[in-house]
PDB file of N, CA and C in Angstrom:
ATOM      1  N   MET A   1      88.547 -43.410  44.471  1.00  0.00           N
ATOM      2  CA  MET A   1      88.050 -43.433  43.120  1.00  0.00           C
ATOM      3  C   MET A   1      89.069 -44.059  42.180  1.00  0.00           C
ATOM      4  N   TYR A   2      90.340 -43.697  42.379  1.00  0.00           N
ATOM      5  CA  TYR A   2      91.372 -44.296  41.547  1.00  0.00           C
ATOM      6  C   TYR A   2      91.519 -45.773  41.847  1.00  0.00           C
ATOM      7  N   THR A   3      91.265 -46.148  43.097  1.00  0.00           N
ATOM      8  CA  THR A   3      91.364 -47.551  43.482  1.00  0.00           C
ATOM      9  C   THR A   3      90.369 -48.386  42.692  1.00  0.00           C
ATOM     10  N   ALA A   4      89.147 -47.903  42.558  1.00  0.00           N
ATOM     11  CA  ALA A   4      88.138 -48.650  41.812  1.00  0.00           C
ATOM     12  C   ALA A   4      88.553 -48.812  40.356  1.00  0.00           C
ATOM     13  N   PHE A   5      89.120 -47.763  39.779  1.00  0.00           N
ATOM     14  CA  PHE A   5      89.579 -47.836  38.393  1.00  0.00           C
ATOM     15  C   PHE A   5      90.700 -48.860  38.272  1.00  0.00           C
ATOM     16  N   PHE A   6      91.651 -48.812  39.204  1.00  0.00           N
ATOM     17  CA  PHE A   6      92.772 -49.749  39.187  1.00  0.00           C
ATOM     18  C   PHE A   6      92.269 -51.180  39.309  1.00  0.00           C
ATOM     19  N   ILE A   7      91.331 -51.413  40.221  1.00  0.00           N
ATOM     20  CA  ILE A   7      90.775 -52.758  40.404  1.00  0.00           C
ATOM     21  C   ILE A   7      90.112 -53.226  39.120  1.00  0.00           C
ATOM     22  N   CYS A   8      89.389 -52.321  38.469  1.00  0.00           N
ATOM     23  CA  CYS A   8      88.719 -52.686  37.222  1.00  0.00           C
ATOM     24  C   CYS A   8      89.735 -53.080  36.152  1.00  0.00           C
ATOM     25  N   VAL A   9      90.814 -52.308  36.024  1.00  0.00           N
ATOM     26  CA  VAL A   9      91.842 -52.602  35.019  1.00  0.00           C
ATOM     27  C   VAL A   9      92.508 -53.940  35.328  1.00  0.00           C
ATOM     28  N   VAL A  10      92.865 -54.140  36.582  1.00  0.00           N
ATOM     29  CA  VAL A  10      93.499 -55.398  36.981  1.00  0.00           C
ATOM     30  C   VAL A  10      92.537 -56.551  36.755  1.00  0.00           C
ATOM     31  N   THR A  11      91.282 -56.353  37.097  1.00  0.00           N
ATOM     32  CA  THR A  11      90.272 -57.391  36.911  1.00  0.00           C
ATOM     33  C   THR A  11      90.166 -57.777  35.448  1.00  0.00           C
ATOM     34  N   CYS A  12      90.093 -56.786  34.590  1.00  0.00           N
ATOM     35  CA  CYS A  12      89.988 -57.070  33.156  1.00  0.00           C
ATOM     36  C   CYS A  12      91.217 -57.820  32.658  1.00  0.00           C
ATOM     37  N   ASP A  13      92.384 -57.393  33.103  1.00  0.00           N
ATOM     38  CA  ASP A  13      93.618 -58.072  32.689  1.00  0.00           C
ATOM     39  C   ASP A  13      93.628 -59.524  33.157  1.00  0.00           C
ATOM     40  N   VAL A  14      93.232 -59.743  34.387  1.00  0.00           N
ATOM     41  CA  VAL A  14      93.225 -61.104  34.940  1.00  0.00           C
ATOM     42  C   VAL A  14      92.218 -61.966  34.186  1.00  0.00           C
ATOM     43  N   ARG A  15      91.040 -61.413  33.917  1.00  0.00           N
ATOM     44  CA  ARG A  15      90.027 -62.181  33.178  1.00  0.00           C
ATOM     45  C   ARG A  15      90.540 -62.585  31.805  1.00  0.00           C
ATOM     46  N   ILE A  16      91.164 -61.646  31.118  1.00  0.00           N
ATOM     47  CA  ILE A  16      91.680 -61.933  29.775  1.00  0.00           C
ATOM     48  C   ILE A  16      92.739 -63.025  29.843  1.00  0.00           C
ATOM     49  N   GLU A  17      93.659 -62.909  30.811  1.00  0.00           N
ATOM     50  CA  GLU A  17      94.705 -63.917  30.955  1.00  0.00           C
ATOM     51  C   GLU A  17      94.106 -65.291  31.246  1.00  0.00           C
ATOM     52  N   ARG A  18      93.132 -65.344  32.109  1.00  0.00           N
ATOM     53  CA  ARG A  18      92.508 -66.629  32.447  1.00  0.00           C
ATOM     54  C   ARG A  18      91.760 -67.213  31.258  1.00  0.00           C
ATOM     55  N   LEU A  19      91.045 -66.365  30.538  1.00  0.00           N
ATOM     56  CA  LEU A  19      90.317 -66.853  29.368  1.00  0.00           C
ATOM     57  C   LEU A  19      91.286 -67.347  28.297  1.00  0.00           C
ATOM     58  N   GLU A  20      92.415 -66.640  28.109  1.00  0.00           N
ATOM     59  CA  GLU A  20      93.417 -67.062  27.135  1.00  0.00           C
ATOM     60  C   GLU A  20      94.036 -68.392  27.532  1.00  0.00           C
ATOM     61  N   ALA A  21      94.173 -68.613  28.836  1.00  0.00           N
ATOM     62  CA  ALA A  21      94.766 -69.856  29.329  1.00  0.00           C
ATOM     63  C   ALA A  21      93.763 -71.005  29.316  1.00  0.00           C
ATOM     64  N   GLY A  22      92.514 -70.702  28.944  1.00  0.00           N
ATOM     65  CA  GLY A  22      91.506 -71.743  28.862  1.00  0.00           C
ATOM     66  C   GLY A  22      90.828 -72.061  30.175  1.00  0.00           C
ATOM     67  N   GLU A  23      90.941 -71.180  31.149  1.00  0.00           N
ATOM     68  CA  GLU A  23      90.339 -71.444  32.456  1.00  0.00           C
ATOM     69  C   GLU A  23      88.846 -71.162  32.490  1.00  0.00           C
ATOM     70  N   GLY A  24      88.328 -70.483  31.520  1.00  0.00           N
ATOM     71  CA  GLY A  24      86.894 -70.202  31.506  1.00  0.00           C
ATOM     72  C   GLY A  24      86.541 -68.984  32.329  1.00  0.00           C
ATOM     73  N   ASP A  25      85.321 -68.966  32.834  1.00  0.00           N
ATOM     74  CA  ASP A  25      84.808 -67.815  33.570  1.00  0.00           C
ATOM     75  C   ASP A  25      85.460 -67.706  34.946  1.00  0.00           C
ATOM     76  N   ASP A  26      85.558 -66.489  35.429  1.00  0.00           N
ATOM     77  CA  ASP A  26      86.173 -66.249  36.737  1.00  0.00           C
ATOM     78  C   ASP A  26      85.129 -65.778  37.745  1.00  0.00           C
ATOM     79  N   TYR A  27      84.060 -66.519  37.864  1.00  0.00           N
ATOM     80  CA  TYR A  27      82.937 -66.185  38.729  1.00  0.00           C
ATOM     81  C   TYR A  27      83.382 -66.022  40.178  1.00  0.00           C
ATOM     82  N   GLU A  28      84.208 -66.941  40.671  1.00  0.00           N
ATOM     83  CA  GLU A  28      84.665 -66.866  42.062  1.00  0.00           C
ATOM     84  C   GLU A  28      85.454 -65.596  42.308  1.00  0.00           C
ATOM     85  N   PHE A  29      86.303 -65.227  41.352  1.00  0.00           N
ATOM     86  CA  PHE A  29      87.083 -64.008  41.513  1.00  0.00           C
ATOM     87  C   PHE A  29      86.160 -62.790  41.571  1.00  0.00           C
ATOM     88  N   ARG A  30      85.151 -62.744  40.713  1.00  0.00           N
ATOM     89  CA  ARG A  30      84.235 -61.607  40.706  1.00  0.00           C
ATOM     90  C   ARG A  30      83.426 -61.547  41.998  1.00  0.00           C
ATOM     91  N   GLU A  31      83.080 -62.707  42.542  1.00  0.00           N
ATOM     92  CA  GLU A  31      82.391 -62.733  43.843  1.00  0.00           C
ATOM     93  C   GLU A  31      83.294 -62.174  44.931  1.00  0.00           C
ATOM     94  N   TRP A  32      84.542 -62.615  44.957  1.00  0.00           N
ATOM     95  CA  TRP A  32      85.517 -62.125  45.929  1.00  0.00           C
ATOM     96  C   TRP A  32      85.698 -60.618  45.774  1.00  0.00           C
ATOM     97  N   GLN A  33      85.827 -60.166  44.542  1.00  0.00           N
ATOM     98  CA  GLN A  33      86.007 -58.746  44.284  1.00  0.00           C
ATOM     99  C   GLN A  33      84.806 -57.940  44.792  1.00  0.00           C
ATOM    100  N   ALA A  34      83.605 -58.426  44.564  1.00  0.00           N
ATOM    101  CA  ALA A  34      82.401 -57.733  45.036  1.00  0.00           C
ATOM    102  C   ALA A  34      82.386 -57.667  46.560  1.00  0.00           C
ATOM    103  N   ARG A  35      82.787 -58.764  47.220  1.00  0.00           N
ATOM    104  CA  ARG A  35      82.838 -58.766  48.689  1.00  0.00           C
ATOM    105  C   ARG A  35      83.853 -57.756  49.193  1.00  0.00           C
ATOM    106  N   MET A  36      85.017 -57.700  48.559  1.00  0.00           N
ATOM    107  CA  MET A  36      86.056 -56.759  48.978  1.00  0.00           C
ATOM    108  C   MET A  36      85.607 -55.306  48.763  1.00  0.00           C
ATOM    109  N   GLN A  37      84.933 -55.045  47.671  1.00  0.00           N
ATOM    110  CA  GLN A  37      84.434 -53.692  47.420  1.00  0.00           C
ATOM    111  C   GLN A  37      83.375 -53.315  48.454  1.00  0.00           C
ATOM    112  N   LYS A  38      82.535 -54.265  48.826  1.00  0.00           N
ATOM    113  CA  LYS A  38      81.528 -54.006  49.845  1.00  0.00           C
ATOM    114  C   LYS A  38      82.202 -53.702  51.182  1.00  0.00           C
ATOM    115  N   LEU A  39      83.235 -54.478  51.527  1.00  0.00           N
ATOM    116  CA  LEU A  39      83.968 -54.222  52.769  1.00  0.00           C
ATOM    117  C   LEU A  39      84.618 -52.842  52.740  1.00  0.00           C
ATOM    118  N   ASP A  40      85.186 -52.462  51.606  1.00  0.00           N
ATOM    119  CA  ASP A  40      85.795 -51.135  51.483  1.00  0.00           C
ATOM    120  C   ASP A  40      84.761 -50.036  51.716  1.00  0.00           C
ATOM    121  N   ARG A  41      83.585 -50.186  51.124  1.00  0.00           N
ATOM    122  CA  ARG A  41      82.528 -49.182  51.309  1.00  0.00           C
ATOM    123  C   ARG A  41      82.098 -49.106  52.775  1.00  0.00           C
ATOM    124  N   GLU A  42      81.983 -50.267  53.427  1.00  0.00           N
ATOM    125  CA  GLU A  42      81.602 -50.292  54.836  1.00  0.00           C
ATOM    126  C   GLU A  42      82.654 -49.610  55.693  1.00  0.00           C
ATOM    127  N   LYS A  43      83.939 -49.848  55.400  1.00  0.00           N
ATOM    128  CA  LYS A  43      85.012 -49.198  56.154  1.00  0.00           C
ATOM    129  C   LYS A  43      84.973 -47.690  55.962  1.00  0.00           C
ATOM    130  N   GLU A  44      84.709 -47.250  54.741  1.00  0.00           N
ATOM    131  CA  GLU A  44      84.618 -45.817  54.471  1.00  0.00           C
ATOM    132  C   GLU A  44      83.461 -45.192  55.251  1.00  0.00           C
ATOM    133  N   ARG A  45      82.320 -45.873  55.291  1.00  0.00           N
ATOM    134  CA  ARG A  45      81.170 -45.357  56.046  1.00  0.00           C
ATOM    135  C   ARG A  45      81.492 -45.299  57.532  1.00  0.00           C
ATOM    136  N   GLU A  46      82.151 -46.331  58.055  1.00  0.00           N
ATOM    137  CA  GLU A  46      82.516 -46.353  59.472  1.00  0.00           C
ATOM    138  C   GLU A  46      83.482 -45.219  59.797  1.00  0.00           C
ATOM    139  N   GLU A  47      84.449 -44.995  58.936  1.00  0.00           N
ATOM    140  CA  GLU A  47      85.409 -43.911  59.160  1.00  0.00           C
ATOM    141  C   GLU A  47      84.712 -42.553  59.121  1.00  0.00           C
ATOM    142  N   PHE A  48      83.798 -42.366  58.185  1.00  0.00           N
ATOM    143  CA  PHE A  48      83.037 -41.120  58.102  1.00  0.00           C
ATOM    144  C   PHE A  48      82.246 -40.904  59.388  1.00  0.00           C
ATOM    145  N   GLU A  49      81.580 -41.951  59.856  1.00  0.00           N
ATOM    146  CA  GLU A  49      80.773 -41.839  61.077  1.00  0.00           C
ATOM    147  C   GLU A  49      81.655 -41.560  62.289  1.00  0.00           C
ATOM    148  N   ARG A  50      82.827 -42.192  62.352  1.00  0.00           N
ATOM    149  CA  ARG A  50      83.759 -41.957  63.459  1.00  0.00           C
ATOM    150  C   ARG A  50      84.195 -40.495  63.495  1.00  0.00           C
ATOM    151  N   ARG A  51      84.527 -39.947  62.311  1.00  0.00           N
ATOM    152  CA  ARG A  51      84.930 -38.539  62.256  1.00  0.00           C
ATOM    153  C   ARG A  51      83.767 -37.613  62.613  1.00  0.00           C
ATOM    154  N   ARG A  52      82.563 -37.957  62.160  1.00  0.00           N
ATOM    155  CA  ARG A  52      81.391 -37.132  62.459  1.00  0.00           C
ATOM    156  C   ARG A  52      81.125 -37.101  63.961  1.00  0.00           C
ATOM    157  N   LEU A  53      81.164 -38.277  64.595  1.00  0.00           N
ATOM    158  CA  LEU A  53      80.934 -38.343  66.034  1.00  0.00           C
ATOM    159  C   LEU A  53      82.050 -37.659  66.814  1.00  0.00           C
ATOM    160  N   GLY A  54      83.281 -37.773  66.313  1.00  0.00           N
ATOM    161  CA  GLY A  54      84.394 -37.071  66.953  1.00  0.00           C
ATOM    162  C   GLY A  54      84.193 -35.565  66.918  1.00  0.00           C
ATOM    163  N   GLY A  55      83.676 -35.061  65.805  1.00  0.00           N
ATOM    164  CA  GLY A  55      83.390 -33.630  65.696  1.00  0.00           C
ATOM    165  C   GLY A  55      82.299 -33.206  66.666  1.00  0.00           C
ATOM    166  N   LEU A  56      81.261 -34.020  66.793  1.00  0.00           N
ATOM    167  CA  LEU A  56      80.184 -33.706  67.741  1.00  0.00           C
ATOM    168  C   LEU A  56      80.701 -33.705  69.176  1.00  0.00           C
ATOM    169  N   LEU A  57      81.531 -34.684  69.490  1.00  0.00           N
ATOM    170  CA  LEU A  57      82.108 -34.759  70.837  1.00  0.00           C
ATOM    171  C   LEU A  57      82.966 -33.531  71.125  1.00  0.00           C
ATOM    172  N   SER A  58      83.767 -33.147  70.165  1.00  0.00           N
ATOM    173  CA  SER A  58      84.611 -31.966  70.321  1.00  0.00           C
ATOM    174  C   SER A  58      83.759 -30.719  70.549  1.00  0.00           C
ATOM    175  N   GLN A  59      82.668 -30.606  69.818  1.00  0.00           N
ATOM    176  CA  GLN A  59      81.775 -29.458  69.976  1.00  0.00           C
ATOM    177  C   GLN A  59      81.166 -29.442  71.381  1.00  0.00           C
ATOM    178  N   GLU A  60      80.728 -30.591  71.867  1.00  0.00           N
ATOM    179  CA  GLU A  60      80.142 -30.673  73.207  1.00  0.00           C
ATOM    180  C   GLU A  60      81.183 -30.329  74.279  1.00  0.00           C
ATOM    181  N   GLU A  61      82.406 -30.819  74.105  1.00  0.00           N
ATOM    182  CA  GLU A  61      83.465 -30.517  75.069  1.00  0.00           C
ATOM    183  C   GLU A  61      83.749 -29.023  75.090  1.00  0.00           C
ATOM    184  N   SER A  62      83.699 -28.388  73.941  1.00  0.00           N
ATOM    185  CA  SER A  62      83.924 -26.948  73.849  1.00  0.00           C
ATOM    186  C   SER A  62      82.825 -26.179  74.587  1.00  0.00           C
ATOM    187  N   ILE A  63      81.586 -26.604  74.419  1.00  0.00           N
ATOM    188  CA  ILE A  63      80.466 -25.949  75.102  1.00  0.00           C
ATOM    189  C   ILE A  63      80.614 -26.078  76.611  1.00  0.00           C
ATOM    190  N   ILE A  64      80.963 -27.259  77.086  1.00  0.00           N
ATOM    191  CA  ILE A  64      81.137 -27.489  78.525  1.00  0.00           C
ATOM    192  C   ILE A  64      82.282 -26.637  79.071  1.00  0.00           C
ATOM    193  N   ALA A  65      83.390 -26.573  78.339  1.00  0.00           N
ATOM    194  CA  ALA A  65      84.530 -25.767  78.783  1.00  0.00           C
ATOM    195  C   ALA A  65      84.144 -24.293  78.870  1.00  0.00           C
ATOM    196  N   ARG A  66      83.398 -23.800  77.887  1.00  0.00           N
ATOM    197  CA  ARG A  66      82.959 -22.407  77.898  1.00  0.00           C
ATOM    198  C   ARG A  66      82.042 -22.145  79.094  1.00  0.00           C
ATOM    199  N   GLN A  67      81.142 -23.080  79.401  1.00  0.00           N
ATOM    200  CA  GLN A  67      80.250 -22.927  80.549  1.00  0.00           C
ATOM    201  C   GLN A  67      81.029 -22.886  81.858  1.00  0.00           C
ATOM    202  N   LYS A  68      82.088 -23.704  81.946  1.00  0.00           N
ATOM    203  CA  LYS A  68      82.915 -23.699  83.155  1.00  0.00           C
ATOM    204  C   LYS A  68      83.620 -22.356  83.329  1.00  0.00           C
ATOM    205  N   VAL A  69      84.119 -21.787  82.235  1.00  0.00           N
ATOM    206  CA  VAL A  69      84.785 -20.486  82.305  1.00  0.00           C
ATOM    207  C   VAL A  69      83.793 -19.419  82.750  1.00  0.00           C
ATOM    208  N   ILE A  70      82.589 -19.451  82.211  1.00  0.00           N
ATOM    209  CA  ILE A  70      81.564 -18.476  82.586  1.00  0.00           C
ATOM    210  C   ILE A  70      81.238 -18.598  84.072  1.00  0.00           C
ATOM    211  N   GLN A  71      81.067 -19.829  84.563  1.00  0.00           N
ATOM    212  CA  GLN A  71      80.787 -20.043  85.983  1.00  0.00           C
ATOM    213  C   GLN A  71      81.943 -19.549  86.847  1.00  0.00           C
ATOM    214  N   HIS A  72      83.157 -19.849  86.437  1.00  0.00           N
ATOM    215  CA  HIS A  72      84.330 -19.406  87.185  1.00  0.00           C
ATOM    216  C   HIS A  72      84.365 -17.883  87.249  1.00  0.00           C
ATOM    217  N   ASN A  73      84.115 -17.241  86.119  1.00  0.00           N
ATOM    218  CA  ASN A  73      84.134 -15.777  86.084  1.00  0.00           C
ATOM    219  C   ASN A  73      83.032 -15.183  86.968  1.00  0.00           C
ATOM    220  N   LYS A  74      81.838 -15.755  86.946  1.00  0.00           N
ATOM    221  CA  LYS A  74      80.741 -15.270  87.792  1.00  0.00           C
ATOM    222  C   LYS A  74      81.111 -15.397  89.260  1.00  0.00           C
ATOM    223  N   HIS A  75      81.704 -16.539  89.601  1.00  0.00           N
ATOM    224  CA  HIS A  75      82.123 -16.765  90.989  1.00  0.00           C
ATOM    225  C   HIS A  75      83.189 -15.742  91.391  1.00  0.00           C
ATOM    226  N   HIS A  76      84.125 -15.499  90.504  1.00  0.00           N
ATOM    227  CA  HIS A  76      85.201 -14.548  90.778  1.00  0.00           C
ATOM    228  C   HIS A  76      84.630 -13.136  90.948  1.00  0.00           C
ATOM    229  N   VAL A  77      83.695 -12.730  90.112  1.00  0.00           N
ATOM    230  CA  VAL A  77      83.060 -11.421  90.202  1.00  0.00           C
ATOM    231  C   VAL A  77      82.319 -11.292  91.534  1.00  0.00           C
ATOM    232  N   ALA A  78      81.596 -12.350  91.924  1.00  0.00           N
ATOM    233  CA  ALA A  78      80.866 -12.322  93.189  1.00  0.00           C
ATOM    234  C   ALA A  78      81.820 -12.150  94.361  1.00  0.00           C
ATOM    235  N   GLU A  79      82.963 -12.838  94.342  1.00  0.00           N
ATOM    236  CA  GLU A  79      83.964 -12.692  95.403  1.00  0.00           C
ATOM    237  C   GLU A  79      84.514 -11.275  95.448  1.00  0.00           C
ATOM    238  N   MET A  80      84.745 -10.683  94.277  1.00  0.00           N
ATOM    239  CA  MET A  80      85.278  -9.318  94.225  1.00  0.00           C
ATOM    240  C   MET A  80      84.254  -8.320  94.791  1.00  0.00           C
ATOM    241  N   LYS A  81      82.964  -8.534  94.540  1.00  0.00           N
ATOM    242  CA  LYS A  81      81.924  -7.648  95.056  1.00  0.00           C
ATOM    243  C   LYS A  81      81.879  -7.725  96.576  1.00  0.00           C
ATOM    244  N   VAL A  82      82.047  -8.930  97.125  1.00  0.00           N
ATOM    245  CA  VAL A  82      82.041  -9.106  98.570  1.00  0.00           C
ATOM    246  C   VAL A  82      83.234  -8.385  99.183  1.00  0.00           C
ATOM    247  N   GLU A  83      84.401  -8.457  98.557  1.00  0.00           N
ATOM    248  CA  GLU A  83      85.606  -7.789  99.070  1.00  0.00           C
ATOM    249  C   GLU A  83      85.452  -6.269  99.046  1.00  0.00           C
ATOM    250  N   VAL A  84      84.780  -5.734  98.045  1.00  0.00           N
ATOM    251  CA  VAL A  84      84.637  -4.284  97.890  1.00  0.00           C
ATOM    252  C   VAL A  84      83.675  -3.744  98.938  1.00  0.00           C
ATOM    253  N   THR A  85      82.653  -4.495  99.278  1.00  0.00           N
ATOM    254  CA  THR A  85      81.674  -3.981 100.245  1.00  0.00           C
ATOM    255  C   THR A  85      82.053  -4.223 101.659  1.00  0.00           C
TER     256      THR A  85
END
């Protein structure tokens, strides 16, 4: 959020400097800025999705590990019952 504010301030300063220097409109710069902001948003979405999928994977791994422990314990209990009888 602060990055967007900083970009806006820098953009305004650059536009003013260019207009004062007689360069006219800075259409190309604004196009570049829009492309960079779009790329930033896409990177943020990709990072969010990566973290979300990582959380799902971690949850699935936890479920599988718990199932393995339960199976191991059942097997161990069955062996103990055989030894007792």
